[in-house]
Amino acid sequence: MTTDRTPSGGIGPTRAQAPDLGPGGLAMVDPSPRAAVVASLASSLSRAVALGDEVGARVVHEAIGRLLGLPVAPEG
């Protein structure tokens, strides 16, 4: 069965959805060294889970938790 519907124009931005800023609207920020390591570990965690490596996934998960629990080091 098919129904006739008028096309939706989408929904407006919500608190969880930022308005469209267009090209170049968001400035790229260099991640901190720790954020870069966590991003790399997150990729490794995904890979370990996809391969079914439970032990590897647990080790990487623990490493991410430890890094996120560390206090932020002062810059300089």
PDB file of N, CA and C in Angstrom:
ATOM      1  N   MET A   1       0.832  -1.149   0.000  1.00  0.00           N
ATOM      2  CA  MET A   1       0.000   0.000   0.000  1.00  0.00           C
ATOM      3  C   MET A   1       0.892   1.232   0.000  1.00  0.00           C
ATOM      4  N   THR A   2       0.562   2.212  -0.787  1.00  0.00           N
ATOM      5  CA  THR A   2       1.324   3.452  -0.825  1.00  0.00           C
ATOM      6  C   THR A   2       0.451   4.580  -0.332  1.00  0.00           C
ATOM      7  N   THR A   3       1.094   5.566   0.222  1.00  0.00           N
ATOM      8  CA  THR A   3       0.365   6.747   0.672  1.00  0.00           C
ATOM      9  C   THR A   3       0.986   7.956   0.017  1.00  0.00           C
ATOM     10  N   ASP A   4       0.156   8.919  -0.240  1.00  0.00           N
ATOM     11  CA  ASP A   4       0.652  10.177  -0.801  1.00  0.00           C
ATOM     12  C   ASP A   4       0.962  11.118   0.340  1.00  0.00           C
ATOM     13  N   ARG A   5       2.186  11.593   0.357  1.00  0.00           N
ATOM     14  CA  ARG A   5       2.603  12.531   1.402  1.00  0.00           C
ATOM     15  C   ARG A   5       3.305  13.697   0.749  1.00  0.00           C
ATOM     16  N   THR A   6       3.162  14.822   1.342  1.00  0.00           N
ATOM     17  CA  THR A   6       3.907  15.973   0.852  1.00  0.00           C
ATOM     18  C   THR A   6       5.307  15.873   1.411  1.00  0.00           C
ATOM     19  N   PRO A   7       6.324  16.259   0.630  1.00  0.00           N
ATOM     20  CA  PRO A   7       7.697  16.166   1.115  1.00  0.00           C
ATOM     21  C   PRO A   7       7.905  17.049   2.335  1.00  0.00           C
ATOM     22  N   SER A   8       8.680  16.547   3.270  1.00  0.00           N
ATOM     23  CA  SER A   8       8.991  17.292   4.476  1.00  0.00           C
ATOM     24  C   SER A   8      10.175  18.210   4.220  1.00  0.00           C
ATOM     25  N   GLY A   9      10.113  19.386   4.769  1.00  0.00           N
ATOM     26  CA  GLY A   9      11.223  20.324   4.659  1.00  0.00           C
ATOM     27  C   GLY A   9      12.251  20.112   5.748  1.00  0.00           C
ATOM     28  N   GLY A  10      12.060  19.063   6.555  1.00  0.00           N
ATOM     29  CA  GLY A  10      12.980  18.815   7.654  1.00  0.00           C
ATOM     30  C   GLY A  10      12.485  19.482   8.915  1.00  0.00           C
ATOM     31  N   ILE A  11      13.258  19.357   9.957  1.00  0.00           N
ATOM     32  CA  ILE A  11      12.891  19.986  11.218  1.00  0.00           C
ATOM     33  C   ILE A  11      13.901  21.060  11.550  1.00  0.00           C
ATOM     34  N   GLY A  12      13.497  21.972  12.364  1.00  0.00           N
ATOM     35  CA  GLY A  12      14.390  23.046  12.767  1.00  0.00           C
ATOM     36  C   GLY A  12      15.405  22.542  13.780  1.00  0.00           C
ATOM     37  N   PRO A  13      16.456  23.309  14.018  1.00  0.00           N
ATOM     38  CA  PRO A  13      17.473  22.885  14.973  1.00  0.00           C
ATOM     39  C   PRO A  13      16.900  22.781  16.377  1.00  0.00           C
ATOM     40  N   THR A  14      17.403  21.828  17.143  1.00  0.00           N
ATOM     41  CA  THR A  14      17.027  21.669  18.536  1.00  0.00           C
ATOM     42  C   THR A  14      18.259  21.917  19.382  1.00  0.00           C
ATOM     43  N   ARG A  15      18.090  21.790  20.670  1.00  0.00           N
ATOM     44  CA  ARG A  15      19.252  21.996  21.539  1.00  0.00           C
ATOM     45  C   ARG A  15      20.366  21.008  21.234  1.00  0.00           C
ATOM     46  N   ALA A  16      20.013  19.812  20.782  1.00  0.00           N
ATOM     47  CA  ALA A  16      21.019  18.803  20.488  1.00  0.00           C
ATOM     48  C   ALA A  16      21.517  18.881  19.052  1.00  0.00           C
ATOM     49  N   GLN A  17      20.939  19.779  18.285  1.00  0.00           N
ATOM     50  CA  GLN A  17      21.301  19.877  16.868  1.00  0.00           C
ATOM     51  C   GLN A  17      21.615  21.342  16.567  1.00  0.00           C
ATOM     52  N   ALA A  18      22.858  21.629  16.270  1.00  0.00           N
ATOM     53  CA  ALA A  18      23.260  23.006  15.980  1.00  0.00           C
ATOM     54  C   ALA A  18      22.719  23.435  14.617  1.00  0.00           C
ATOM     55  N   PRO A  19      22.452  24.720  14.446  1.00  0.00           N
ATOM     56  CA  PRO A  19      22.025  25.179  13.128  1.00  0.00           C
ATOM     57  C   PRO A  19      23.145  25.002  12.108  1.00  0.00           C
ATOM     58  N   ASP A  20      22.774  24.880  10.844  1.00  0.00           N
ATOM     59  CA  ASP A  20      23.765  24.709   9.785  1.00  0.00           C
ATOM     60  C   ASP A  20      24.570  25.988   9.654  1.00  0.00           C
ATOM     61  N   LEU A  21      25.877  25.867   9.839  1.00  0.00           N
ATOM     62  CA  LEU A  21      26.741  27.040   9.768  1.00  0.00           C
ATOM     63  C   LEU A  21      27.325  27.226   8.375  1.00  0.00           C
ATOM     64  N   GLY A  22      27.081  26.277   7.500  1.00  0.00           N
ATOM     65  CA  GLY A  22      27.605  26.387   6.147  1.00  0.00           C
ATOM     66  C   GLY A  22      29.066  25.998   6.091  1.00  0.00           C
ATOM     67  N   PRO A  23      29.623  26.020   4.874  1.00  0.00           N
ATOM     68  CA  PRO A  23      31.036  25.634   4.721  1.00  0.00           C
ATOM     69  C   PRO A  23      31.952  26.560   5.505  1.00  0.00           C
ATOM     70  N   GLY A  24      32.879  25.964   6.203  1.00  0.00           N
ATOM     71  CA  GLY A  24      33.838  26.758   6.965  1.00  0.00           C
ATOM     72  C   GLY A  24      33.263  27.375   8.215  1.00  0.00           C
ATOM     73  N   GLY A  25      32.057  26.975   8.589  1.00  0.00           N
ATOM     74  CA  GLY A  25      31.399  27.558   9.751  1.00  0.00           C
ATOM     75  C   GLY A  25      31.990  27.093  11.063  1.00  0.00           C
ATOM     76  N   LEU A  26      32.585  25.927  11.071  1.00  0.00           N
ATOM     77  CA  LEU A  26      33.197  25.406  12.287  1.00  0.00           C
ATOM     78  C   LEU A  26      34.709  25.476  12.161  1.00  0.00           C
ATOM     79  N   ALA A  27      35.326  26.086  13.125  1.00  0.00           N
ATOM     80  CA  ALA A  27      36.782  26.182  13.105  1.00  0.00           C
ATOM     81  C   ALA A  27      37.371  24.855  13.551  1.00  0.00           C
ATOM     82  N   MET A  28      38.387  24.404  12.864  1.00  0.00           N
ATOM     83  CA  MET A  28      39.067  23.176  13.254  1.00  0.00           C
ATOM     84  C   MET A  28      40.010  23.507  14.402  1.00  0.00           C
ATOM     85  N   VAL A  29      39.971  22.692  15.424  1.00  0.00           N
ATOM     86  CA  VAL A  29      40.811  22.902  16.595  1.00  0.00           C
ATOM     87  C   VAL A  29      41.781  21.734  16.681  1.00  0.00           C
ATOM     88  N   ASP A  30      43.041  22.044  16.904  1.00  0.00           N
ATOM     89  CA  ASP A  30      44.030  20.982  17.080  1.00  0.00           C
ATOM     90  C   ASP A  30      43.710  20.243  18.373  1.00  0.00           C
ATOM     91  N   PRO A  31      43.577  18.921  18.299  1.00  0.00           N
ATOM     92  CA  PRO A  31      43.285  18.184  19.528  1.00  0.00           C
ATOM     93  C   PRO A  31      44.500  18.156  20.439  1.00  0.00           C
ATOM     94  N   SER A  32      44.227  18.017  21.711  1.00  0.00           N
ATOM     95  CA  SER A  32      45.334  17.881  22.656  1.00  0.00           C
ATOM     96  C   SER A  32      46.013  16.542  22.387  1.00  0.00           C
ATOM     97  N   PRO A  33      47.245  16.390  22.822  1.00  0.00           N
ATOM     98  CA  PRO A  33      47.928  15.107  22.624  1.00  0.00           C
ATOM     99  C   PRO A  33      47.141  13.948  23.236  1.00  0.00           C
ATOM    100  N   ARG A  34      46.543  14.174  24.394  1.00  0.00           N
ATOM    101  CA  ARG A  34      45.782  13.109  25.038  1.00  0.00           C
ATOM    102  C   ARG A  34      44.537  12.762  24.225  1.00  0.00           C
ATOM    103  N   ALA A  35      43.867  13.770  23.673  1.00  0.00           N
ATOM    104  CA  ALA A  35      42.683  13.515  22.849  1.00  0.00           C
ATOM    105  C   ALA A  35      43.054  12.715  21.609  1.00  0.00           C
ATOM    106  N   ALA A  36      44.206  12.993  21.045  1.00  0.00           N
ATOM    107  CA  ALA A  36      44.657  12.243  19.874  1.00  0.00           C
ATOM    108  C   ALA A  36      44.917  10.786  20.232  1.00  0.00           C
ATOM    109  N   VAL A  37      45.498  10.539  21.403  1.00  0.00           N
ATOM    110  CA  VAL A  37      45.763   9.167  21.838  1.00  0.00           C
ATOM    111  C   VAL A  37      44.447   8.438  22.113  1.00  0.00           C
ATOM    112  N   VAL A  38      43.510   9.113  22.765  1.00  0.00           N
ATOM    113  CA  VAL A  38      42.209   8.496  23.042  1.00  0.00           C
ATOM    114  C   VAL A  38      41.492   8.163  21.736  1.00  0.00           C
ATOM    115  N   ALA A  39      41.552   9.048  20.744  1.00  0.00           N
ATOM    116  CA  ALA A  39      40.927   8.777  19.446  1.00  0.00           C
ATOM    117  C   ALA A  39      41.548   7.557  18.784  1.00  0.00           C
ATOM    118  N   SER A  40      42.863   7.447  18.871  1.00  0.00           N
ATOM    119  CA  SER A  40      43.546   6.290  18.304  1.00  0.00           C
ATOM    120  C   SER A  40      43.153   5.012  19.035  1.00  0.00           C
ATOM    121  N   LEU A  41      43.085   5.088  20.353  1.00  0.00           N
ATOM    122  CA  LEU A  41      42.683   3.918  21.134  1.00  0.00           C
ATOM    123  C   LEU A  41      41.235   3.535  20.854  1.00  0.00           C
ATOM    124  N   ALA A  42      40.373   4.513  20.638  1.00  0.00           N
ATOM    125  CA  ALA A  42      38.974   4.224  20.320  1.00  0.00           C
ATOM    126  C   ALA A  42      38.881   3.441  19.019  1.00  0.00           C
ATOM    127  N   SER A  43      39.723   3.794  18.062  1.00  0.00           N
ATOM    128  CA  SER A  43      39.768   3.053  16.806  1.00  0.00           C
ATOM    129  C   SER A  43      40.231   1.623  17.049  1.00  0.00           C
ATOM    130  N   SER A  44      41.247   1.473  17.878  1.00  0.00           N
ATOM    131  CA  SER A  44      41.746   0.134  18.206  1.00  0.00           C
ATOM    132  C   SER A  44      40.697  -0.674  18.956  1.00  0.00           C
ATOM    133  N   LEU A  45      39.942  -0.018  19.829  1.00  0.00           N
ATOM    134  CA  LEU A  45      38.883  -0.695  20.565  1.00  0.00           C
ATOM    135  C   LEU A  45      37.809  -1.209  19.606  1.00  0.00           C
ATOM    136  N   SER A  46      37.421  -0.369  18.661  1.00  0.00           N
ATOM    137  CA  SER A  46      36.426  -0.782  17.673  1.00  0.00           C
ATOM    138  C   SER A  46      36.923  -1.981  16.874  1.00  0.00           C
ATOM    139  N   ARG A  47      38.191  -1.946  16.491  1.00  0.00           N
ATOM    140  CA  ARG A  47      38.773  -3.038  15.717  1.00  0.00           C
ATOM    141  C   ARG A  47      38.795  -4.332  16.525  1.00  0.00           C
ATOM    142  N   ALA A  48      39.179  -4.226  17.806  1.00  0.00           N
ATOM    143  CA  ALA A  48      39.232  -5.417  18.658  1.00  0.00           C
ATOM    144  C   ALA A  48      37.844  -6.021  18.832  1.00  0.00           C
ATOM    145  N   VAL A  49      36.847  -5.184  19.030  1.00  0.00           N
ATOM    146  CA  VAL A  49      35.476  -5.677  19.179  1.00  0.00           C
ATOM    147  C   VAL A  49      35.014  -6.341  17.891  1.00  0.00           C
ATOM    148  N   ALA A  50      35.282  -5.716  16.749  1.00  0.00           N
ATOM    149  CA  ALA A  50      34.871  -6.278  15.458  1.00  0.00           C
ATOM    150  C   ALA A  50      35.523  -7.631  15.205  1.00  0.00           C
ATOM    151  N   LEU A  51      36.738  -7.810  15.681  1.00  0.00           N
ATOM    152  CA  LEU A  51      37.454  -9.069  15.486  1.00  0.00           C
ATOM    153  C   LEU A  51      37.128 -10.099  16.561  1.00  0.00           C
ATOM    154  N   GLY A  52      36.338  -9.694  17.551  1.00  0.00           N
ATOM    155  CA  GLY A  52      35.972 -10.617  18.622  1.00  0.00           C
ATOM    156  C   GLY A  52      37.050 -10.819  19.662  1.00  0.00           C
ATOM    157  N   ASP A  53      37.997  -9.913  19.757  1.00  0.00           N
ATOM    158  CA  ASP A  53      39.094 -10.013  20.727  1.00  0.00           C
ATOM    159  C   ASP A  53      38.662  -9.362  22.038  1.00  0.00           C
ATOM    160  N   GLU A  54      38.028 -10.159  22.910  1.00  0.00           N
ATOM    161  CA  GLU A  54      37.516  -9.614  24.163  1.00  0.00           C
ATOM    162  C   GLU A  54      38.617  -9.118  25.088  1.00  0.00           C
ATOM    163  N   VAL A  55      39.696  -9.866  25.189  1.00  0.00           N
ATOM    164  CA  VAL A  55      40.795  -9.476  26.076  1.00  0.00           C
ATOM    165  C   VAL A  55      41.430  -8.181  25.582  1.00  0.00           C
ATOM    166  N   GLY A  56      41.706  -8.094  24.297  1.00  0.00           N
ATOM    167  CA  GLY A  56      42.271  -6.864  23.732  1.00  0.00           C
ATOM    168  C   GLY A  56      41.348  -5.678  23.934  1.00  0.00           C
ATOM    169  N   ALA A  57      40.039  -5.894  23.738  1.00  0.00           N
ATOM    170  CA  ALA A  57      39.074  -4.817  23.920  1.00  0.00           C
ATOM    171  C   ALA A  57      39.063  -4.334  25.365  1.00  0.00           C
ATOM    172  N   ARG A  58      39.148  -5.272  26.305  1.00  0.00           N
ATOM    173  CA  ARG A  58      39.163  -4.882  27.729  1.00  0.00           C
ATOM    174  C   ARG A  58      40.407  -4.072  28.070  1.00  0.00           C
ATOM    175  N   VAL A  59      41.541  -4.482  27.541  1.00  0.00           N
ATOM    176  CA  VAL A  59      42.794  -3.765  27.822  1.00  0.00           C
ATOM    177  C   VAL A  59      42.739  -2.351  27.273  1.00  0.00           C
ATOM    178  N   VAL A  60      42.271  -2.212  26.028  1.00  0.00           N
ATOM    179  CA  VAL A  60      42.181  -0.886  25.411  1.00  0.00           C
ATOM    180  C   VAL A  60      41.140  -0.036  26.144  1.00  0.00           C
ATOM    181  N   HIS A  61      40.022  -0.650  26.532  1.00  0.00           N
ATOM    182  CA  HIS A  61      38.982   0.074  27.273  1.00  0.00           C
ATOM    183  C   HIS A  61      39.532   0.611  28.583  1.00  0.00           C
ATOM    184  N   GLU A  62      40.306  -0.215  29.287  1.00  0.00           N
ATOM    185  CA  GLU A  62      40.916   0.227  30.540  1.00  0.00           C
ATOM    186  C   GLU A  62      41.895   1.371  30.310  1.00  0.00           C
ATOM    187  N   ALA A  63      42.682   1.286  29.242  1.00  0.00           N
ATOM    188  CA  ALA A  63      43.640   2.354  28.936  1.00  0.00           C
ATOM    189  C   ALA A  63      42.909   3.668  28.660  1.00  0.00           C
ATOM    190  N   ILE A  64      41.814   3.600  27.926  1.00  0.00           N
ATOM    191  CA  ILE A  64      41.034   4.816  27.658  1.00  0.00           C
ATOM    192  C   ILE A  64      40.504   5.383  28.964  1.00  0.00           C
ATOM    193  N   GLY A  65      39.977   4.515  29.821  1.00  0.00           N
ATOM    194  CA  GLY A  65      39.460   4.976  31.115  1.00  0.00           C
ATOM    195  C   GLY A  65      40.528   5.642  31.957  1.00  0.00           C
ATOM    196  N   ARG A  66      41.718   5.069  31.973  1.00  0.00           N
ATOM    197  CA  ARG A  66      42.808   5.676  32.743  1.00  0.00           C
ATOM    198  C   ARG A  66      43.198   7.041  32.184  1.00  0.00           C
ATOM    199  N   LEU A  67      43.259   7.132  30.852  1.00  0.00           N
ATOM    200  CA  LEU A  67      43.627   8.423  30.250  1.00  0.00           C
ATOM    201  C   LEU A  67      42.569   9.488  30.526  1.00  0.00           C
ATOM    202  N   LEU A  68      41.315   9.100  30.481  1.00  0.00           N
ATOM    203  CA  LEU A  68      40.263  10.076  30.724  1.00  0.00           C
ATOM    204  C   LEU A  68      40.172  10.469  32.186  1.00  0.00           C
ATOM    205  N   GLY A  69      40.673   9.615  33.078  1.00  0.00           N
ATOM    206  CA  GLY A  69      40.622   9.898  34.507  1.00  0.00           C
ATOM    207  C   GLY A  69      41.793  10.734  35.012  1.00  0.00           C
ATOM    208  N   LEU A  70      42.805  10.918  34.178  1.00  0.00           N
ATOM    209  CA  LEU A  70      43.973  11.692  34.597  1.00  0.00           C
ATOM    210  C   LEU A  70      43.656  13.182  34.625  1.00  0.00           C
ATOM    211  N   PRO A  71      44.246  13.921  35.562  1.00  0.00           N
ATOM    212  CA  PRO A  71      44.040  15.374  35.544  1.00  0.00           C
ATOM    213  C   PRO A  71      44.708  15.978  34.314  1.00  0.00           C
ATOM    214  N   VAL A  72      44.170  17.098  33.872  1.00  0.00           N
ATOM    215  CA  VAL A  72      44.706  17.776  32.699  1.00  0.00           C
ATOM    216  C   VAL A  72      46.048  18.398  33.046  1.00  0.00           C
ATOM    217  N   ALA A  73      47.065  18.124  32.249  1.00  0.00           N
ATOM    218  CA  ALA A  73      48.392  18.675  32.493  1.00  0.00           C
ATOM    219  C   ALA A  73      48.431  20.136  32.047  1.00  0.00           C
ATOM    220  N   PRO A  74      49.073  20.976  32.823  1.00  0.00           N
ATOM    221  CA  PRO A  74      49.170  22.384  32.415  1.00  0.00           C
ATOM    222  C   PRO A  74      50.012  22.538  31.158  1.00  0.00           C
ATOM    223  N   GLU A  75      49.617  23.464  30.310  1.00  0.00           N
ATOM    224  CA  GLU A  75      50.385  23.708  29.074  1.00  0.00           C
ATOM    225  C   GLU A  75      51.589  24.573  29.391  1.00  0.00           C
ATOM    226  N   GLY A  76      52.636  24.349  28.630  1.00  0.00           N
ATOM    227  CA  GLY A  76      53.758  25.247  28.805  1.00  0.00           C
ATOM    228  C   GLY A  76      55.002  24.575  28.874  1.00  0.00           C
TER     229      GLY A  76
END
